[in-house]
């Protein structure tokens, strides 16, 4: 099979998975909304009421765009709402030719039991899952929305936190996978990462060493470790950032945290070892003030590489 045919085959399989998920989720949403649809409102009408209840300053064109509705159908629904006293229209402040829509007190009263029924249905579904499964489900949904949506990045796109149980294994796994995908490194690199992190845990000195984990929407997206090389020298180890989170300044922030911590603990110098193919990481080190001390050719992880030692006087 050629590379083109193989890629097409993978794409066909992915398409089938997405279509299957779409059918499953459509059925699921239908089941979740059976209780709501026993009311006098259709599912689409409930969606319109939800938007009006949770957003201010909406126009009909906003609803057409955001809900993917036919303009004529929406106009008829809004007219029915208005006739029943559920909806009010006022001229838009910025343009009197435009109309702003809002629920009346009667409209909000009509919406409350529908909203409560929806919440109760979803709560029942989630409570049938164990806590880790609920967490995995919510994270997966956030990932789908982020990847397929057009929403702006959150104001605080990530947080830094200390090491937690489960991080060591996950970071080892992700570094092994990413360096294989991006640089073709074999499993001996993953073994090295495992050795370094096992030693970090076993010999951890909380007064002189630390790890930082970057987390975004509940997912680990980067990390770095700072270990004691000697009483005066700290060593930065295993900096990495997930591809999905690159461009947010996480790598530079992790390095800056290491430097600030080392200075606060009285270290006089920070060192690190890397390879010249890791261009993005090298640019971060250079921007932080690290200087190349020496380099040498070596064959590791199934590749011919150029190892580099960098240092920063603190």
C-alpha atoms as a PDB file:
ATOM      1  CA  UNK A   1       0.000   0.000   0.000  1.00  0.00           C
ATOM      2  CA  UNK A   2       1.376   3.410  -0.965  1.00  0.00           C
ATOM      3  CA  UNK A   3       1.709   6.236   1.536  1.00  0.00           C
ATOM      4  CA  UNK A   4      -1.133   8.106  -0.209  1.00  0.00           C
ATOM      5  CA  UNK A   5      -3.443   5.085  -0.056  1.00  0.00           C
ATOM      6  CA  UNK A   6      -2.518   4.472   3.579  1.00  0.00           C
ATOM      7  CA  UNK A   7      -3.311   8.091   4.479  1.00  0.00           C
ATOM      8  CA  UNK A   8      -6.642   7.858   2.626  1.00  0.00           C
ATOM      9  CA  UNK A   9      -7.472   4.650   4.495  1.00  0.00           C
ATOM     10  CA  UNK A  10      -6.748   6.293   7.860  1.00  0.00           C
ATOM     11  CA  UNK A  11      -8.870   9.302   6.890  1.00  0.00           C
ATOM     12  CA  UNK A  12     -11.761   7.020   5.873  1.00  0.00           C
ATOM     13  CA  UNK A  13     -11.570   5.294   9.246  1.00  0.00           C
ATOM     14  CA  UNK A  14     -11.534   8.640  11.054  1.00  0.00           C
ATOM     15  CA  UNK A  15     -14.537   9.826   9.042  1.00  0.00           C
ATOM     16  CA  UNK A  16     -16.431   6.682  10.006  1.00  0.00           C
ATOM     17  CA  UNK A  17     -15.641   7.239  13.691  1.00  0.00           C
ATOM     18  CA  UNK A  18     -16.826  10.863  13.574  1.00  0.00           C
ATOM     19  CA  UNK A  19     -20.033   9.909  11.748  1.00  0.00           C
ATOM     20  CA  UNK A  20     -20.659   7.137  14.248  1.00  0.00           C
ATOM     21  CA  UNK A  21     -20.160   9.532  17.151  1.00  0.00           C
ATOM     22  CA  UNK A  22     -22.515  12.018  15.495  1.00  0.00           C
ATOM     23  CA  UNK A  23     -25.272   9.394  15.219  1.00  0.00           C
ATOM     24  CA  UNK A  24     -24.722   8.293  18.812  1.00  0.00           C
ATOM     25  CA  UNK A  25     -24.768  11.841  20.165  1.00  0.00           C
ATOM     26  CA  UNK A  26     -27.883  12.744  18.172  1.00  0.00           C
ATOM     27  CA  UNK A  27     -29.697   9.787  19.718  1.00  0.00           C
ATOM     28  CA  UNK A  28     -28.392  10.708  23.162  1.00  0.00           C
ATOM     29  CA  UNK A  29     -29.530  14.319  22.884  1.00  0.00           C
ATOM     30  CA  UNK A  30     -32.925  13.115  21.752  1.00  0.00           C
ATOM     31  CA  UNK A  31     -33.230  10.909  24.831  1.00  0.00           C
ATOM     32  CA  UNK A  32     -32.060  13.688  27.143  1.00  0.00           C
ATOM     33  CA  UNK A  33     -34.658  16.045  25.726  1.00  0.00           C
ATOM     34  CA  UNK A  34     -37.621  13.670  25.840  1.00  0.00           C
ATOM     35  CA  UNK A  35     -38.674  15.205  29.135  1.00  0.00           C
ATOM     36  CA  UNK A  36     -38.429  18.711  27.742  1.00  0.00           C
ATOM     37  CA  UNK A  37     -40.294  17.792  24.578  1.00  0.00           C
ATOM     38  CA  UNK A  38     -43.238  16.567  26.646  1.00  0.00           C
ATOM     39  CA  UNK A  39     -43.848  20.251  27.235  1.00  0.00           C
ATOM     40  CA  UNK A  40     -45.586  22.459  24.704  1.00  0.00           C
ATOM     41  CA  UNK A  41     -42.234  23.649  23.301  1.00  0.00           C
ATOM     42  CA  UNK A  42     -40.189  22.033  20.563  1.00  0.00           C
ATOM     43  CA  UNK A  43     -36.495  21.366  21.076  1.00  0.00           C
ATOM     44  CA  UNK A  44     -35.604  24.288  18.800  1.00  0.00           C
ATOM     45  CA  UNK A  45     -37.897  26.612  20.746  1.00  0.00           C
ATOM     46  CA  UNK A  46     -36.193  25.539  23.965  1.00  0.00           C
ATOM     47  CA  UNK A  47     -32.801  26.315  22.415  1.00  0.00           C
ATOM     48  CA  UNK A  48     -34.018  29.803  21.489  1.00  0.00           C
ATOM     49  CA  UNK A  49     -35.391  30.374  24.988  1.00  0.00           C
ATOM     50  CA  UNK A  50     -32.070  29.233  26.462  1.00  0.00           C
ATOM     51  CA  UNK A  51     -30.092  31.744  24.401  1.00  0.00           C
ATOM     52  CA  UNK A  52     -32.470  34.557  25.302  1.00  0.00           C
ATOM     53  CA  UNK A  53     -32.304  33.628  29.001  1.00  0.00           C
ATOM     54  CA  UNK A  54     -28.502  33.537  29.150  1.00  0.00           C
ATOM     55  CA  UNK A  55     -27.370  36.283  26.769  1.00  0.00           C
ATOM     56  CA  UNK A  56     -28.155  39.973  26.629  1.00  0.00           C
ATOM     57  CA  UNK A  57     -28.474  42.226  23.619  1.00  0.00           C
ATOM     58  CA  UNK A  58     -29.327  39.454  21.158  1.00  0.00           C
ATOM     59  CA  UNK A  59     -30.790  40.193  17.745  1.00  0.00           C
ATOM     60  CA  UNK A  60     -32.636  37.846  15.426  1.00  0.00           C
ATOM     61  CA  UNK A  61     -29.575  37.717  13.172  1.00  0.00           C
ATOM     62  CA  UNK A  62     -27.466  36.589  16.166  1.00  0.00           C
ATOM     63  CA  UNK A  63     -29.826  33.655  16.727  1.00  0.00           C
ATOM     64  CA  UNK A  64     -29.867  32.738  13.037  1.00  0.00           C
ATOM     65  CA  UNK A  65     -26.062  32.677  12.978  1.00  0.00           C
ATOM     66  CA  UNK A  66     -25.374  30.994  16.320  1.00  0.00           C
ATOM     67  CA  UNK A  67     -28.123  28.360  16.186  1.00  0.00           C
ATOM     68  CA  UNK A  68     -28.003  27.725  12.439  1.00  0.00           C
ATOM     69  CA  UNK A  69     -31.700  28.477  12.002  1.00  0.00           C
ATOM     70  CA  UNK A  70     -33.685  29.491   8.962  1.00  0.00           C
ATOM     71  CA  UNK A  71     -34.507  33.201   9.247  1.00  0.00           C
ATOM     72  CA  UNK A  72     -38.147  32.703   8.252  1.00  0.00           C
ATOM     73  CA  UNK A  73     -38.682  29.912  10.772  1.00  0.00           C
ATOM     74  CA  UNK A  74     -37.068  31.952  13.536  1.00  0.00           C
ATOM     75  CA  UNK A  75     -39.252  34.937  12.708  1.00  0.00           C
ATOM     76  CA  UNK A  76     -42.393  32.804  13.149  1.00  0.00           C
ATOM     77  CA  UNK A  77     -41.170  31.416  16.473  1.00  0.00           C
ATOM     78  CA  UNK A  78     -40.337  34.863  17.813  1.00  0.00           C
ATOM     79  CA  UNK A  79     -43.734  36.167  16.715  1.00  0.00           C
ATOM     80  CA  UNK A  80     -45.460  33.350  18.670  1.00  0.00           C
ATOM     81  CA  UNK A  81     -43.336  34.130  21.740  1.00  0.00           C
ATOM     82  CA  UNK A  82     -44.243  37.796  21.468  1.00  0.00           C
ATOM     83  CA  UNK A  83     -47.959  37.073  21.089  1.00  0.00           C
ATOM     84  CA  UNK A  84     -47.849  34.976  24.260  1.00  0.00           C
ATOM     85  CA  UNK A  85     -46.067  37.703  26.210  1.00  0.00           C
ATOM     86  CA  UNK A  86     -42.791  35.790  26.505  1.00  0.00           C
ATOM     87  CA  UNK A  87     -40.669  38.147  24.409  1.00  0.00           C
ATOM     88  CA  UNK A  88     -40.060  41.892  24.176  1.00  0.00           C
ATOM     89  CA  UNK A  89     -38.356  43.865  21.425  1.00  0.00           C
ATOM     90  CA  UNK A  90     -36.550  47.179  21.850  1.00  0.00           C
ATOM     91  CA  UNK A  91     -34.502  49.297  19.439  1.00  0.00           C
ATOM     92  CA  UNK A  92     -30.782  48.485  19.648  1.00  0.00           C
ATOM     93  CA  UNK A  93     -28.829  51.314  21.354  1.00  0.00           C
ATOM     94  CA  UNK A  94     -26.189  51.428  18.635  1.00  0.00           C
ATOM     95  CA  UNK A  95     -28.651  51.255  15.708  1.00  0.00           C
ATOM     96  CA  UNK A  96     -32.355  52.050  16.023  1.00  0.00           C
ATOM     97  CA  UNK A  97     -33.008  50.078  12.834  1.00  0.00           C
ATOM     98  CA  UNK A  98     -31.991  46.896  14.675  1.00  0.00           C
ATOM     99  CA  UNK A  99     -34.094  45.198  17.351  1.00  0.00           C
ATOM    100  CA  UNK A 100     -32.808  43.724  20.601  1.00  0.00           C
ATOM    101  CA  UNK A 101     -34.657  40.678  21.917  1.00  0.00           C
ATOM    102  CA  UNK A 102     -35.234  39.828  25.580  1.00  0.00           C
ATOM    103  CA  UNK A 103     -37.420  37.510  27.618  1.00  0.00           C
ATOM    104  CA  UNK A 104     -40.157  39.115  29.664  1.00  0.00           C
ATOM    105  CA  UNK A 105     -40.840  38.090  33.261  1.00  0.00           C
ATOM    106  CA  UNK A 106     -43.420  35.638  31.891  1.00  0.00           C
ATOM    107  CA  UNK A 107     -40.838  34.294  29.451  1.00  0.00           C
ATOM    108  CA  UNK A 108     -38.296  33.649  32.213  1.00  0.00           C
ATOM    109  CA  UNK A 109     -40.974  31.964  34.292  1.00  0.00           C
ATOM    110  CA  UNK A 110     -41.812  29.673  31.362  1.00  0.00           C
ATOM    111  CA  UNK A 111     -38.161  28.849  30.789  1.00  0.00           C
ATOM    112  CA  UNK A 112     -37.234  27.943  34.377  1.00  0.00           C
ATOM    113  CA  UNK A 113     -38.890  24.485  34.514  1.00  0.00           C
ATOM    114  CA  UNK A 114     -37.451  23.635  31.087  1.00  0.00           C
ATOM    115  CA  UNK A 115     -33.949  24.583  32.200  1.00  0.00           C
ATOM    116  CA  UNK A 116     -34.352  22.627  35.430  1.00  0.00           C
ATOM    117  CA  UNK A 117     -35.571  19.546  33.547  1.00  0.00           C
ATOM    118  CA  UNK A 118     -32.572  19.692  31.225  1.00  0.00           C
ATOM    119  CA  UNK A 119     -30.167  20.057  34.133  1.00  0.00           C
ATOM    120  CA  UNK A 120     -31.753  17.143  36.007  1.00  0.00           C
ATOM    121  CA  UNK A 121     -31.562  14.879  32.950  1.00  0.00           C
ATOM    122  CA  UNK A 122     -27.851  15.578  32.476  1.00  0.00           C
ATOM    123  CA  UNK A 123     -27.159  15.240  36.211  1.00  0.00           C
ATOM    124  CA  UNK A 124     -28.784  11.815  36.149  1.00  0.00           C
ATOM    125  CA  UNK A 125     -26.601  10.765  33.222  1.00  0.00           C
ATOM    126  CA  UNK A 126     -23.393  12.006  34.892  1.00  0.00           C
ATOM    127  CA  UNK A 127     -24.207  10.487  38.277  1.00  0.00           C
ATOM    128  CA  UNK A 128     -24.332   7.055  36.632  1.00  0.00           C
ATOM    129  CA  UNK A 129     -20.589   7.420  35.978  1.00  0.00           C
ATOM    130  CA  UNK A 130     -17.747   7.166  38.457  1.00  0.00           C
ATOM    131  CA  UNK A 131     -15.954  10.437  39.244  1.00  0.00           C
ATOM    132  CA  UNK A 132     -12.911   9.677  37.024  1.00  0.00           C
ATOM    133  CA  UNK A 133     -15.222   8.785  34.132  1.00  0.00           C
ATOM    134  CA  UNK A 134     -17.163  12.036  34.538  1.00  0.00           C
ATOM    135  CA  UNK A 135     -13.918  13.974  34.557  1.00  0.00           C
ATOM    136  CA  UNK A 136     -12.747  12.193  31.398  1.00  0.00           C
ATOM    137  CA  UNK A 137     -16.075  12.837  29.665  1.00  0.00           C
ATOM    138  CA  UNK A 138     -16.077  16.557  30.452  1.00  0.00           C
ATOM    139  CA  UNK A 139     -12.449  16.968  29.359  1.00  0.00           C
ATOM    140  CA  UNK A 140     -13.200  15.176  26.099  1.00  0.00           C
ATOM    141  CA  UNK A 141     -16.158  17.451  25.423  1.00  0.00           C
ATOM    142  CA  UNK A 142     -14.042  20.525  26.103  1.00  0.00           C
ATOM    143  CA  UNK A 143     -11.413  19.202  23.714  1.00  0.00           C
ATOM    144  CA  UNK A 144     -14.012  18.677  20.970  1.00  0.00           C
ATOM    145  CA  UNK A 145     -15.361  22.190  21.449  1.00  0.00           C
ATOM    146  CA  UNK A 146     -11.872  23.702  21.402  1.00  0.00           C
ATOM    147  CA  UNK A 147     -10.747  21.805  18.296  1.00  0.00           C
ATOM    148  CA  UNK A 148     -13.889  22.262  16.205  1.00  0.00           C
ATOM    149  CA  UNK A 149     -15.191  25.566  17.546  1.00  0.00           C
ATOM    150  CA  UNK A 150     -14.203  29.104  16.713  1.00  0.00           C
ATOM    151  CA  UNK A 151     -14.134  30.462  20.254  1.00  0.00           C
ATOM    152  CA  UNK A 152     -11.398  32.822  21.357  1.00  0.00           C
ATOM    153  CA  UNK A 153      -8.745  31.536  23.710  1.00  0.00           C
ATOM    154  CA  UNK A 154      -9.582  32.014  27.402  1.00  0.00           C
ATOM    155  CA  UNK A 155      -8.011  35.002  29.140  1.00  0.00           C
ATOM    156  CA  UNK A 156      -5.927  32.625  31.272  1.00  0.00           C
ATOM    157  CA  UNK A 157      -5.147  29.780  28.849  1.00  0.00           C
ATOM    158  CA  UNK A 158      -3.247  27.613  31.337  1.00  0.00           C
ATOM    159  CA  UNK A 159      -2.221  27.272  34.974  1.00  0.00           C
ATOM    160  CA  UNK A 160       0.974  26.030  36.598  1.00  0.00           C
ATOM    161  CA  UNK A 161       0.716  23.588  39.477  1.00  0.00           C
ATOM    162  CA  UNK A 162       2.995  21.273  41.490  1.00  0.00           C
ATOM    163  CA  UNK A 163       3.528  17.624  40.620  1.00  0.00           C
ATOM    164  CA  UNK A 164       0.622  15.293  41.437  1.00  0.00           C
ATOM    165  CA  UNK A 165       0.134  11.540  41.541  1.00  0.00           C
ATOM    166  CA  UNK A 166      -0.073  10.200  38.006  1.00  0.00           C
ATOM    167  CA  UNK A 167       2.014  12.989  36.452  1.00  0.00           C
ATOM    168  CA  UNK A 168       5.274  11.019  36.347  1.00  0.00           C
ATOM    169  CA  UNK A 169       3.820   8.213  34.255  1.00  0.00           C
ATOM    170  CA  UNK A 170       1.883  10.585  32.020  1.00  0.00           C
ATOM    171  CA  UNK A 171       4.839  12.883  31.333  1.00  0.00           C
ATOM    172  CA  UNK A 172       7.055   9.878  30.571  1.00  0.00           C
ATOM    173  CA  UNK A 173       4.445   8.559  28.142  1.00  0.00           C
ATOM    174  CA  UNK A 174       3.850  11.876  26.398  1.00  0.00           C
ATOM    175  CA  UNK A 175       7.528  12.676  25.969  1.00  0.00           C
ATOM    176  CA  UNK A 176       8.138   9.210  24.547  1.00  0.00           C
ATOM    177  CA  UNK A 177       5.268   9.632  22.073  1.00  0.00           C
ATOM    178  CA  UNK A 178       6.029  13.228  21.053  1.00  0.00           C
ATOM    179  CA  UNK A 179       9.758  12.820  20.522  1.00  0.00           C
ATOM    180  CA  UNK A 180       9.081   9.736  18.457  1.00  0.00           C
ATOM    181  CA  UNK A 181       6.484  11.525  16.328  1.00  0.00           C
ATOM    182  CA  UNK A 182       8.471  14.735  15.876  1.00  0.00           C
ATOM    183  CA  UNK A 183      12.071  13.497  15.756  1.00  0.00           C
ATOM    184  CA  UNK A 184      11.861   9.739  15.247  1.00  0.00           C
ATOM    185  CA  UNK A 185      13.526   8.928  18.578  1.00  0.00           C
ATOM    186  CA  UNK A 186      13.088   5.337  19.698  1.00  0.00           C
ATOM    187  CA  UNK A 187      11.968   3.815  22.990  1.00  0.00           C
ATOM    188  CA  UNK A 188      15.392   4.287  24.600  1.00  0.00           C
ATOM    189  CA  UNK A 189      14.536   7.991  25.004  1.00  0.00           C
ATOM    190  CA  UNK A 190      11.345   7.123  26.863  1.00  0.00           C
ATOM    191  CA  UNK A 191      13.414   4.791  29.061  1.00  0.00           C
ATOM    192  CA  UNK A 192      15.801   7.666  29.831  1.00  0.00           C
ATOM    193  CA  UNK A 193      12.914   9.938  30.772  1.00  0.00           C
ATOM    194  CA  UNK A 194      11.563   7.223  33.066  1.00  0.00           C
ATOM    195  CA  UNK A 195      14.957   6.872  34.767  1.00  0.00           C
ATOM    196  CA  UNK A 196      15.343  10.625  35.265  1.00  0.00           C
ATOM    197  CA  UNK A 197      11.865  11.016  36.724  1.00  0.00           C
ATOM    198  CA  UNK A 198      12.152   7.948  38.945  1.00  0.00           C
ATOM    199  CA  UNK A 199      15.357   9.381  40.386  1.00  0.00           C
ATOM    200  CA  UNK A 200      13.669  12.759  40.870  1.00  0.00           C
ATOM    201  CA  UNK A 201      10.949  11.159  42.985  1.00  0.00           C
ATOM    202  CA  UNK A 202      13.243   8.852  44.921  1.00  0.00           C
ATOM    203  CA  UNK A 203      15.835  11.526  45.805  1.00  0.00           C
ATOM    204  CA  UNK A 204      13.561  14.576  45.917  1.00  0.00           C
ATOM    205  CA  UNK A 205      14.769  17.416  48.143  1.00  0.00           C
ATOM    206  CA  UNK A 206      11.779  19.738  48.697  1.00  0.00           C
ATOM    207  CA  UNK A 207      14.043  22.530  49.954  1.00  0.00           C
ATOM    208  CA  UNK A 208      16.166  22.621  46.786  1.00  0.00           C
ATOM    209  CA  UNK A 209      14.218  20.961  43.979  1.00  0.00           C
ATOM    210  CA  UNK A 210      10.887  21.431  42.290  1.00  0.00           C
ATOM    211  CA  UNK A 211       8.657  20.491  39.340  1.00  0.00           C
ATOM    212  CA  UNK A 212       6.120  22.599  37.486  1.00  0.00           C
ATOM    213  CA  UNK A 213       3.229  21.164  35.482  1.00  0.00           C
ATOM    214  CA  UNK A 214       1.261  23.286  33.011  1.00  0.00           C
ATOM    215  CA  UNK A 215      -2.416  22.388  32.847  1.00  0.00           C
ATOM    216  CA  UNK A 216      -4.990  23.606  30.343  1.00  0.00           C
ATOM    217  CA  UNK A 217      -8.681  22.764  30.707  1.00  0.00           C
ATOM    218  CA  UNK A 218      -7.768  19.896  33.006  1.00  0.00           C
ATOM    219  CA  UNK A 219      -5.134  18.400  30.685  1.00  0.00           C
ATOM    220  CA  UNK A 220      -1.370  18.328  31.231  1.00  0.00           C
ATOM    221  CA  UNK A 221       0.179  20.369  28.416  1.00  0.00           C
ATOM    222  CA  UNK A 222       3.763  20.824  29.591  1.00  0.00           C
ATOM    223  CA  UNK A 223       6.241  20.450  32.419  1.00  0.00           C
ATOM    224  CA  UNK A 224       9.782  21.060  33.598  1.00  0.00           C
ATOM    225  CA  UNK A 225      11.935  19.790  36.467  1.00  0.00           C
ATOM    226  CA  UNK A 226      14.688  21.518  38.420  1.00  0.00           C
ATOM    227  CA  UNK A 227      17.115  19.324  40.352  1.00  0.00           C
ATOM    228  CA  UNK A 228      20.116  19.895  42.565  1.00  0.00           C
ATOM    229  CA  UNK A 229      23.374  19.283  40.694  1.00  0.00           C
ATOM    230  CA  UNK A 230      25.525  20.579  43.590  1.00  0.00           C
ATOM    231  CA  UNK A 231      25.197  23.090  46.426  1.00  0.00           C
ATOM    232  CA  UNK A 232      25.716  25.944  43.968  1.00  0.00           C
ATOM    233  CA  UNK A 233      24.481  24.490  40.665  1.00  0.00           C
ATOM    234  CA  UNK A 234      20.897  23.689  39.661  1.00  0.00           C
ATOM    235  CA  UNK A 235      19.958  21.631  36.606  1.00  0.00           C
ATOM    236  CA  UNK A 236      16.941  22.188  34.374  1.00  0.00           C
ATOM    237  CA  UNK A 237      15.536  18.926  33.013  1.00  0.00           C
ATOM    238  CA  UNK A 238      12.917  17.584  30.609  1.00  0.00           C
ATOM    239  CA  UNK A 239      11.231  20.773  29.431  1.00  0.00           C
ATOM    240  CA  UNK A 240       8.360  19.962  27.077  1.00  0.00           C
ATOM    241  CA  UNK A 241       5.126  21.535  25.798  1.00  0.00           C
ATOM    242  CA  UNK A 242       2.287  19.737  24.021  1.00  0.00           C
ATOM    243  CA  UNK A 243       1.801  20.746  20.358  1.00  0.00           C
ATOM    244  CA  UNK A 244      -1.781  21.848  21.107  1.00  0.00           C
ATOM    245  CA  UNK A 245      -0.508  24.407  23.639  1.00  0.00           C
ATOM    246  CA  UNK A 246       2.478  25.825  21.805  1.00  0.00           C
ATOM    247  CA  UNK A 247       2.447  29.537  21.102  1.00  0.00           C
ATOM    248  CA  UNK A 248       1.000  30.404  24.517  1.00  0.00           C
ATOM    249  CA  UNK A 249       4.377  31.145  26.114  1.00  0.00           C
ATOM    250  CA  UNK A 250       4.277  28.050  28.322  1.00  0.00           C
ATOM    251  CA  UNK A 251       7.846  26.959  27.563  1.00  0.00           C
ATOM    252  CA  UNK A 252       9.323  30.340  28.415  1.00  0.00           C
ATOM    253  CA  UNK A 253       7.180  30.582  31.548  1.00  0.00           C
ATOM    254  CA  UNK A 254       8.374  27.176  32.766  1.00  0.00           C
ATOM    255  CA  UNK A 255      12.015  28.154  32.227  1.00  0.00           C
ATOM    256  CA  UNK A 256      11.469  31.497  33.976  1.00  0.00           C
ATOM    257  CA  UNK A 257       9.951  29.699  36.978  1.00  0.00           C
ATOM    258  CA  UNK A 258      13.024  27.458  37.204  1.00  0.00           C
ATOM    259  CA  UNK A 259      15.380  30.430  37.088  1.00  0.00           C
ATOM    260  CA  UNK A 260      13.454  32.411  39.702  1.00  0.00           C
ATOM    261  CA  UNK A 261      13.265  29.403  42.027  1.00  0.00           C
ATOM    262  CA  UNK A 262      16.997  28.665  41.658  1.00  0.00           C
ATOM    263  CA  UNK A 263      17.907  32.242  42.501  1.00  0.00           C
ATOM    264  CA  UNK A 264      15.591  32.244  45.511  1.00  0.00           C
ATOM    265  CA  UNK A 265      17.286  29.057  46.777  1.00  0.00           C
ATOM    266  CA  UNK A 266      20.754  30.544  46.489  1.00  0.00           C
ATOM    267  CA  UNK A 267      22.061  28.658  43.481  1.00  0.00           C
ATOM    268  CA  UNK A 268      24.763  30.499  41.542  1.00  0.00           C
ATOM    269  CA  UNK A 269      24.489  28.679  38.238  1.00  0.00           C
ATOM    270  CA  UNK A 270      21.934  26.723  36.231  1.00  0.00           C
ATOM    271  CA  UNK A 271      22.865  24.135  33.607  1.00  0.00           C
ATOM    272  CA  UNK A 272      20.996  21.974  31.122  1.00  0.00           C
ATOM    273  CA  UNK A 273      21.637  19.376  28.437  1.00  0.00           C
ATOM    274  CA  UNK A 274      19.776  19.329  25.146  1.00  0.00           C
ATOM    275  CA  UNK A 275      20.246  18.451  21.478  1.00  0.00           C
ATOM    276  CA  UNK A 276      20.648  20.850  18.599  1.00  0.00           C
ATOM    277  CA  UNK A 277      17.576  19.503  16.755  1.00  0.00           C
ATOM    278  CA  UNK A 278      15.352  20.889  19.532  1.00  0.00           C
ATOM    279  CA  UNK A 279      15.357  24.339  17.973  1.00  0.00           C
ATOM    280  CA  UNK A 280      12.314  25.771  19.757  1.00  0.00           C
ATOM    281  CA  UNK A 281      13.634  24.841  23.187  1.00  0.00           C
ATOM    282  CA  UNK A 282      17.063  26.211  22.310  1.00  0.00           C
ATOM    283  CA  UNK A 283      15.543  29.582  21.389  1.00  0.00           C
ATOM    284  CA  UNK A 284      13.823  29.692  24.774  1.00  0.00           C
ATOM    285  CA  UNK A 285      17.096  28.988  26.564  1.00  0.00           C
ATOM    286  CA  UNK A 286      18.934  31.644  24.581  1.00  0.00           C
ATOM    287  CA  UNK A 287      16.215  34.229  25.260  1.00  0.00           C
ATOM    288  CA  UNK A 288      16.510  33.468  28.985  1.00  0.00           C
ATOM    289  CA  UNK A 289      20.254  34.162  28.890  1.00  0.00           C
ATOM    290  CA  UNK A 290      21.731  30.664  28.705  1.00  0.00           C
ATOM    291  CA  UNK A 291      25.077  30.344  26.923  1.00  0.00           C
ATOM    292  CA  UNK A 292      26.288  27.324  24.947  1.00  0.00           C
ATOM    293  CA  UNK A 293      29.241  25.819  26.830  1.00  0.00           C
ATOM    294  CA  UNK A 294      30.124  22.790  24.732  1.00  0.00           C
ATOM    295  CA  UNK A 295      28.675  20.324  22.265  1.00  0.00           C
ATOM    296  CA  UNK A 296      29.553  16.888  20.935  1.00  0.00           C
ATOM    297  CA  UNK A 297      28.278  14.371  18.432  1.00  0.00           C
ATOM    298  CA  UNK A 298      26.655  11.223  19.780  1.00  0.00           C
ATOM    299  CA  UNK A 299      24.376   8.413  18.650  1.00  0.00           C
ATOM    300  CA  UNK A 300      21.394   8.055  20.946  1.00  0.00           C
ATOM    301  CA  UNK A 301      17.693   7.202  20.706  1.00  0.00           C
ATOM    302  CA  UNK A 302      18.318   5.645  17.292  1.00  0.00           C
ATOM    303  CA  UNK A 303      19.625   8.887  15.758  1.00  0.00           C
ATOM    304  CA  UNK A 304      22.901  10.709  15.138  1.00  0.00           C
ATOM    305  CA  UNK A 305      22.635  13.831  17.286  1.00  0.00           C
ATOM    306  CA  UNK A 306      24.613  16.796  18.531  1.00  0.00           C
ATOM    307  CA  UNK A 307      24.360  17.086  22.298  1.00  0.00           C
ATOM    308  CA  UNK A 308      24.732  20.541  23.847  1.00  0.00           C
ATOM    309  CA  UNK A 309      25.494  21.778  27.350  1.00  0.00           C
ATOM    310  CA  UNK A 310      24.137  25.216  28.227  1.00  0.00           C
ATOM    311  CA  UNK A 311      24.689  27.308  31.361  1.00  0.00           C
ATOM    312  CA  UNK A 312      23.329  30.463  32.976  1.00  0.00           C
ATOM    313  CA  UNK A 313      25.061  32.431  35.729  1.00  0.00           C
ATOM    314  CA  UNK A 314      22.464  33.415  38.283  1.00  0.00           C
END
